[in-house]
Amino acid sequence: MNKEFIKKMIKAEALRYSAIKEILPDEIKKRVDNFEKEALDVLKDIAFEAVEEKSETKECKKVNIN
């Protein structure tokens, strides 16, 4: 039941956001769209860097102590 509620709340917020964007003046709407694209690019870069850091192999050398 909680999952359905959360899904519906997220969908409602997305619809509210798109409705607000529709009534914005064209110039501001373009700026918001540009900001969204730049923010998405930043998130993609962060995700790629995180994946690269995890995929790096760490080398260990075994040392025998006598």
PDB file of N, CA and C in Angstrom:
ATOM      1  N   MET A   1       0.819  -1.188   0.000  1.00  0.00           N
ATOM      2  CA  MET A   1       0.000   0.000   0.000  1.00  0.00           C
ATOM      3  C   MET A   1       0.872   1.264   0.000  1.00  0.00           C
ATOM      4  N   ASN A   2       1.935   1.258   0.747  1.00  0.00           N
ATOM      5  CA  ASN A   2       2.813   2.420   0.795  1.00  0.00           C
ATOM      6  C   ASN A   2       3.510   2.656  -0.533  1.00  0.00           C
ATOM      7  N   LYS A   3       3.874   1.580  -1.226  1.00  0.00           N
ATOM      8  CA  LYS A   3       4.537   1.728  -2.519  1.00  0.00           C
ATOM      9  C   LYS A   3       3.613   2.402  -3.525  1.00  0.00           C
ATOM     10  N   GLU A   4       2.358   1.996  -3.534  1.00  0.00           N
ATOM     11  CA  GLU A   4       1.397   2.601  -4.449  1.00  0.00           C
ATOM     12  C   GLU A   4       1.203   4.079  -4.130  1.00  0.00           C
ATOM     13  N   PHE A   5       1.138   4.398  -2.865  1.00  0.00           N
ATOM     14  CA  PHE A   5       0.978   5.793  -2.453  1.00  0.00           C
ATOM     15  C   PHE A   5       2.166   6.624  -2.914  1.00  0.00           C
ATOM     16  N   ILE A   6       3.363   6.105  -2.714  1.00  0.00           N
ATOM     17  CA  ILE A   6       4.568   6.823  -3.116  1.00  0.00           C
ATOM     18  C   ILE A   6       4.599   7.021  -4.629  1.00  0.00           C
ATOM     19  N   LYS A   7       4.251   5.980  -5.390  1.00  0.00           N
ATOM     20  CA  LYS A   7       4.229   6.091  -6.846  1.00  0.00           C
ATOM     21  C   LYS A   7       3.255   7.169  -7.288  1.00  0.00           C
ATOM     22  N   LYS A   8       2.062   7.185  -6.676  1.00  0.00           N
ATOM     23  CA  LYS A   8       1.054   8.177  -7.053  1.00  0.00           C
ATOM     24  C   LYS A   8       1.478   9.585  -6.654  1.00  0.00           C
ATOM     25  N   MET A   9       2.135   9.733  -5.522  1.00  0.00           N
ATOM     26  CA  MET A   9       2.600  11.050  -5.094  1.00  0.00           C
ATOM     27  C   MET A   9       3.687  11.582  -6.033  1.00  0.00           C
ATOM     28  N   ILE A  10       4.593  10.704  -6.449  1.00  0.00           N
ATOM     29  CA  ILE A  10       5.647  11.106  -7.389  1.00  0.00           C
ATOM     30  C   ILE A  10       5.028  11.518  -8.718  1.00  0.00           C
ATOM     31  N   LYS A  11       4.054  10.745  -9.183  1.00  0.00           N
ATOM     32  CA  LYS A  11       3.390  11.074 -10.438  1.00  0.00           C
ATOM     33  C   LYS A  11       2.648  12.406 -10.322  1.00  0.00           C
ATOM     34  N   ALA A  12       2.005  12.639  -9.192  1.00  0.00           N
ATOM     35  CA  ALA A  12       1.283  13.900  -8.981  1.00  0.00           C
ATOM     36  C   ALA A  12       2.242  15.086  -8.990  1.00  0.00           C
ATOM     37  N   GLU A  13       3.388  14.931  -8.355  1.00  0.00           N
ATOM     38  CA  GLU A  13       4.379  16.021  -8.341  1.00  0.00           C
ATOM     39  C   GLU A  13       4.931  16.276  -9.734  1.00  0.00           C
ATOM     40  N   ALA A  14       5.143  15.214 -10.508  1.00  0.00           N
ATOM     41  CA  ALA A  14       5.634  15.378 -11.880  1.00  0.00           C
ATOM     42  C   ALA A  14       4.601  16.118 -12.725  1.00  0.00           C
ATOM     43  N   LEU A  15       3.335  15.773 -12.559  1.00  0.00           N
ATOM     44  CA  LEU A  15       2.285  16.467 -13.304  1.00  0.00           C
ATOM     45  C   LEU A  15       2.173  17.925 -12.868  1.00  0.00           C
ATOM     46  N   ARG A  16       2.317  18.173 -11.578  1.00  0.00           N
ATOM     47  CA  ARG A  16       2.259  19.548 -11.077  1.00  0.00           C
ATOM     48  C   ARG A  16       3.415  20.374 -11.657  1.00  0.00           C
ATOM     49  N   TYR A  17       4.601  19.770 -11.691  1.00  0.00           N
ATOM     50  CA  TYR A  17       5.779  20.445 -12.231  1.00  0.00           C
ATOM     51  C   TYR A  17       5.583  20.783 -13.704  1.00  0.00           C
ATOM     52  N   SER A  18       5.073  19.823 -14.478  1.00  0.00           N
ATOM     53  CA  SER A  18       4.874  20.080 -15.904  1.00  0.00           C
ATOM     54  C   SER A  18       3.777  21.127 -16.116  1.00  0.00           C
ATOM     55  N   ALA A  19       2.766  21.159 -15.256  1.00  0.00           N
ATOM     56  CA  ALA A  19       1.713  22.174 -15.378  1.00  0.00           C
ATOM     57  C   ALA A  19       2.282  23.560 -15.097  1.00  0.00           C
ATOM     58  N   ILE A  20       3.133  23.667 -14.107  1.00  0.00           N
ATOM     59  CA  ILE A  20       3.753  24.950 -13.787  1.00  0.00           C
ATOM     60  C   ILE A  20       4.641  25.411 -14.942  1.00  0.00           C
ATOM     61  N   LYS A  21       5.386  24.475 -15.541  1.00  0.00           N
ATOM     62  CA  LYS A  21       6.242  24.834 -16.676  1.00  0.00           C
ATOM     63  C   LYS A  21       5.426  25.336 -17.861  1.00  0.00           C
ATOM     64  N   GLU A  22       4.240  24.817 -18.039  1.00  0.00           N
ATOM     65  CA  GLU A  22       3.403  25.220 -19.168  1.00  0.00           C
ATOM     66  C   GLU A  22       2.969  26.673 -19.074  1.00  0.00           C
ATOM     67  N   ILE A  23       2.793  27.184 -17.856  1.00  0.00           N
ATOM     68  CA  ILE A  23       2.311  28.560 -17.728  1.00  0.00           C
ATOM     69  C   ILE A  23       3.450  29.574 -17.629  1.00  0.00           C
ATOM     70  N   LEU A  24       4.692  29.100 -17.630  1.00  0.00           N
ATOM     71  CA  LEU A  24       5.831  30.011 -17.581  1.00  0.00           C
ATOM     72  C   LEU A  24       5.996  30.731 -18.919  1.00  0.00           C
ATOM     73  N   PRO A  25       6.519  31.941 -18.885  1.00  0.00           N
ATOM     74  CA  PRO A  25       6.855  32.616 -20.143  1.00  0.00           C
ATOM     75  C   PRO A  25       7.929  31.825 -20.907  1.00  0.00           C
ATOM     76  N   ASP A  26       7.925  31.980 -22.209  1.00  0.00           N
ATOM     77  CA  ASP A  26       8.822  31.188 -23.062  1.00  0.00           C
ATOM     78  C   ASP A  26      10.292  31.343 -22.685  1.00  0.00           C
ATOM     79  N   GLU A  27      10.712  32.562 -22.392  1.00  0.00           N
ATOM     80  CA  GLU A  27      12.120  32.790 -22.059  1.00  0.00           C
ATOM     81  C   GLU A  27      12.513  32.031 -20.787  1.00  0.00           C
ATOM     82  N   ILE A  28      11.682  32.091 -19.790  1.00  0.00           N
ATOM     83  CA  ILE A  28      11.984  31.397 -18.528  1.00  0.00           C
ATOM     84  C   ILE A  28      11.890  29.886 -18.727  1.00  0.00           C
ATOM     85  N   LYS A  29      10.929  29.455 -19.534  1.00  0.00           N
ATOM     86  CA  LYS A  29      10.786  28.022 -19.813  1.00  0.00           C
ATOM     87  C   LYS A  29      12.050  27.472 -20.484  1.00  0.00           C
ATOM     88  N   LYS A  30      12.623  28.250 -21.412  1.00  0.00           N
ATOM     89  CA  LYS A  30      13.861  27.826 -22.073  1.00  0.00           C
ATOM     90  C   LYS A  30      15.004  27.734 -21.068  1.00  0.00           C
ATOM     91  N   ARG A  31      15.062  28.698 -20.147  1.00  0.00           N
ATOM     92  CA  ARG A  31      16.118  28.673 -19.132  1.00  0.00           C
ATOM     93  C   ARG A  31      15.969  27.469 -18.214  1.00  0.00           C
ATOM     94  N   VAL A  32      14.727  27.129 -17.853  1.00  0.00           N
ATOM     95  CA  VAL A  32      14.475  25.964 -17.001  1.00  0.00           C
ATOM     96  C   VAL A  32      14.862  24.693 -17.743  1.00  0.00           C
ATOM     97  N   ASP A  33      14.493  24.591 -19.011  1.00  0.00           N
ATOM     98  CA  ASP A  33      14.853  23.416 -19.809  1.00  0.00           C
ATOM     99  C   ASP A  33      16.371  23.272 -19.915  1.00  0.00           C
ATOM    100  N   ASN A  34      17.055  24.384 -20.129  1.00  0.00           N
ATOM    101  CA  ASN A  34      18.512  24.372 -20.213  1.00  0.00           C
ATOM    102  C   ASN A  34      19.129  23.919 -18.882  1.00  0.00           C
ATOM    103  N   PHE A  35      18.583  24.435 -17.792  1.00  0.00           N
ATOM    104  CA  PHE A  35      19.076  24.042 -16.471  1.00  0.00           C
ATOM    105  C   PHE A  35      18.884  22.547 -16.240  1.00  0.00           C
ATOM    106  N   GLU A  36      17.722  22.027 -16.638  1.00  0.00           N
ATOM    107  CA  GLU A  36      17.461  20.591 -16.479  1.00  0.00           C
ATOM    108  C   GLU A  36      18.468  19.752 -17.263  1.00  0.00           C
ATOM    109  N   LYS A  37      18.769  20.169 -18.486  1.00  0.00           N
ATOM    110  CA  LYS A  37      19.724  19.434 -19.314  1.00  0.00           C
ATOM    111  C   LYS A  37      21.117  19.451 -18.692  1.00  0.00           C
ATOM    112  N   GLU A  38      21.523  20.624 -18.196  1.00  0.00           N
ATOM    113  CA  GLU A  38      22.845  20.731 -17.574  1.00  0.00           C
ATOM    114  C   GLU A  38      22.914  19.902 -16.293  1.00  0.00           C
ATOM    115  N   ALA A  39      21.853  19.912 -15.511  1.00  0.00           N
ATOM    116  CA  ALA A  39      21.824  19.129 -14.283  1.00  0.00           C
ATOM    117  C   ALA A  39      21.899  17.637 -14.599  1.00  0.00           C
ATOM    118  N   LEU A  40      21.210  17.211 -15.642  1.00  0.00           N
ATOM    119  CA  LEU A  40      21.258  15.805 -16.045  1.00  0.00           C
ATOM    120  C   LEU A  40      22.663  15.421 -16.500  1.00  0.00           C
ATOM    121  N   ASP A  41      23.322  16.305 -17.227  1.00  0.00           N
ATOM    122  CA  ASP A  41      24.696  16.039 -17.664  1.00  0.00           C
ATOM    123  C   ASP A  41      25.635  15.887 -16.464  1.00  0.00           C
ATOM    124  N   VAL A  42      25.455  16.733 -15.468  1.00  0.00           N
ATOM    125  CA  VAL A  42      26.290  16.640 -14.260  1.00  0.00           C
ATOM    126  C   VAL A  42      26.048  15.310 -13.557  1.00  0.00           C
ATOM    127  N   LEU A  43      24.791  14.910 -13.437  1.00  0.00           N
ATOM    128  CA  LEU A  43      24.481  13.632 -12.792  1.00  0.00           C
ATOM    129  C   LEU A  43      25.067  12.458 -13.575  1.00  0.00           C
ATOM    130  N   LYS A  44      25.028  12.533 -14.893  1.00  0.00           N
ATOM    131  CA  LYS A  44      25.624  11.474 -15.712  1.00  0.00           C
ATOM    132  C   LYS A  44      27.126  11.398 -15.470  1.00  0.00           C
ATOM    133  N   ASP A  45      27.787  12.553 -15.438  1.00  0.00           N
ATOM    134  CA  ASP A  45      29.227  12.572 -15.194  1.00  0.00           C
ATOM    135  C   ASP A  45      29.561  11.962 -13.832  1.00  0.00           C
ATOM    136  N   ILE A  46      28.792  12.300 -12.829  1.00  0.00           N
ATOM    137  CA  ILE A  46      29.021  11.756 -11.482  1.00  0.00           C
ATOM    138  C   ILE A  46      28.831  10.250 -11.491  1.00  0.00           C
ATOM    139  N   ALA A  47      27.789   9.778 -12.164  1.00  0.00           N
ATOM    140  CA  ALA A  47      27.535   8.337 -12.221  1.00  0.00           C
ATOM    141  C   ALA A  47      28.670   7.614 -12.939  1.00  0.00           C
ATOM    142  N   PHE A  48      29.141   8.171 -14.056  1.00  0.00           N
ATOM    143  CA  PHE A  48      30.241   7.537 -14.785  1.00  0.00           C
ATOM    144  C   PHE A  48      31.511   7.496 -13.935  1.00  0.00           C
ATOM    145  N   GLU A  49      31.796   8.566 -13.219  1.00  0.00           N
ATOM    146  CA  GLU A  49      32.980   8.582 -12.357  1.00  0.00           C
ATOM    147  C   GLU A  49      32.862   7.559 -11.237  1.00  0.00           C
ATOM    148  N   ALA A  50      31.679   7.406 -10.684  1.00  0.00           N
ATOM    149  CA  ALA A  50      31.478   6.434  -9.615  1.00  0.00           C
ATOM    150  C   ALA A  50      31.682   5.011 -10.140  1.00  0.00           C
ATOM    151  N   VAL A  51      31.204   4.746 -11.347  1.00  0.00           N
ATOM    152  CA  VAL A  51      31.376   3.415 -11.938  1.00  0.00           C
ATOM    153  C   VAL A  51      32.848   3.160 -12.230  1.00  0.00           C
ATOM    154  N   GLU A  52      33.534   4.177 -12.735  1.00  0.00           N
ATOM    155  CA  GLU A  52      34.955   4.014 -13.043  1.00  0.00           C
ATOM    156  C   GLU A  52      35.762   3.735 -11.773  1.00  0.00           C
ATOM    157  N   GLU A  53      35.427   4.409 -10.689  1.00  0.00           N
ATOM    158  CA  GLU A  53      36.153   4.193  -9.442  1.00  0.00           C
ATOM    159  C   GLU A  53      35.952   2.780  -8.929  1.00  0.00           C
ATOM    160  N   LYS A  54      34.752   2.247  -9.081  1.00  0.00           N
ATOM    161  CA  LYS A  54      34.473   0.888  -8.620  1.00  0.00           C
ATOM    162  C   LYS A  54      35.163  -0.147  -9.501  1.00  0.00           C
ATOM    163  N   SER A  55      35.313   0.164 -10.785  1.00  0.00           N
ATOM    164  CA  SER A  55      35.881  -0.809 -11.704  1.00  0.00           C
ATOM    165  C   SER A  55      37.411  -0.835 -11.678  1.00  0.00           C
ATOM    166  N   GLU A  56      38.017   0.152 -11.048  1.00  0.00           N
ATOM    167  CA  GLU A  56      39.468   0.160 -10.967  1.00  0.00           C
ATOM    168  C   GLU A  56      39.924  -1.015 -10.105  1.00  0.00           C
ATOM    169  N   THR A  57      40.900  -1.729 -10.602  1.00  0.00           N
ATOM    170  CA  THR A  57      41.407  -2.856  -9.830  1.00  0.00           C
ATOM    171  C   THR A  57      42.554  -2.386  -8.956  1.00  0.00           C
ATOM    172  N   LYS A  58      42.565  -2.925  -7.781  1.00  0.00           N
ATOM    173  CA  LYS A  58      43.635  -2.592  -6.851  1.00  0.00           C
ATOM    174  C   LYS A  58      44.578  -3.785  -6.783  1.00  0.00           C
ATOM    175  N   GLU A  59      45.851  -3.516  -6.931  1.00  0.00           N
ATOM    176  CA  GLU A  59      46.840  -4.583  -6.916  1.00  0.00           C
ATOM    177  C   GLU A  59      47.428  -4.729  -5.522  1.00  0.00           C
ATOM    178  N   CYS A  60      47.601  -5.957  -5.142  1.00  0.00           N
ATOM    179  CA  CYS A  60      48.265  -6.260  -3.870  1.00  0.00           C
ATOM    180  C   CYS A  60      49.401  -7.236  -4.172  1.00  0.00           C
ATOM    181  N   LYS A  61      50.504  -6.988  -3.551  1.00  0.00           N
ATOM    182  CA  LYS A  61      51.629  -7.893  -3.705  1.00  0.00           C
ATOM    183  C   LYS A  61      51.797  -8.670  -2.419  1.00  0.00           C
ATOM    184  N   LYS A  62      51.984  -9.964  -2.568  1.00  0.00           N
ATOM    185  CA  LYS A  62      52.211 -10.803  -1.394  1.00  0.00           C
ATOM    186  C   LYS A  62      53.679 -10.761  -1.046  1.00  0.00           C
ATOM    187  N   VAL A  63      53.936 -10.604   0.222  1.00  0.00           N
ATOM    188  CA  VAL A  63      55.309 -10.538   0.692  1.00  0.00           C
ATOM    189  C   VAL A  63      55.503 -11.649   1.713  1.00  0.00           C
ATOM    190  N   ASN A  64      56.557 -12.410   1.499  1.00  0.00           N
ATOM    191  CA  ASN A  64      56.890 -13.461   2.465  1.00  0.00           C
ATOM    192  C   ASN A  64      57.807 -12.901   3.526  1.00  0.00           C
ATOM    193  N   ILE A  65      57.461 -13.114   4.767  1.00  0.00           N
ATOM    194  CA  ILE A  65      58.315 -12.658   5.869  1.00  0.00           C
ATOM    195  C   ILE A  65      58.900 -13.900   6.523  1.00  0.00           C
ATOM    196  N   ASN A  66      60.246 -13.984   6.567  1.00  0.00           N
ATOM    197  CA  ASN A  66      60.919 -15.146   7.173  1.00  0.00           C
ATOM    198  C   ASN A  66      61.408 -14.823   8.544  1.00  0.00           C
TER     199      ASN A  66
END
